């Protein structure tokens, strides 16, 4: 039965011009999501943290997670300082390699070490 669902989803996605994500990609997305949540785990509790946590947890795809990096950066910088936040987010940014179109990748900067 799951094969039929998968085949159906692949067919439906092809109608809209998108291919169904493979299991390897899904695993990497799950790892990125967990890394983003782990970054925020030691910040305590607040409304801001809960909002970012929920957005990361329920992000529908890799592009949404890519854009949520800025929310995570802002949250970390406000709590831990910009240098620590930049280090943590830079580690997450590397996890996106090969998952995004080339136009969506970040450009190198002197601030990232």
Foldseek 3Di string as FASTA:
>chain_A
DVVVVQVVVQVVCVVVVHGDDDPVQVVLLVVLLVLLLVLLVPQDDDPLSVVLNVQSVPPPDDVSSLVSLVSSQVVCCVRPNNLVSLQSSVVSLVSCPPVDDPVSHDDDDPSRD
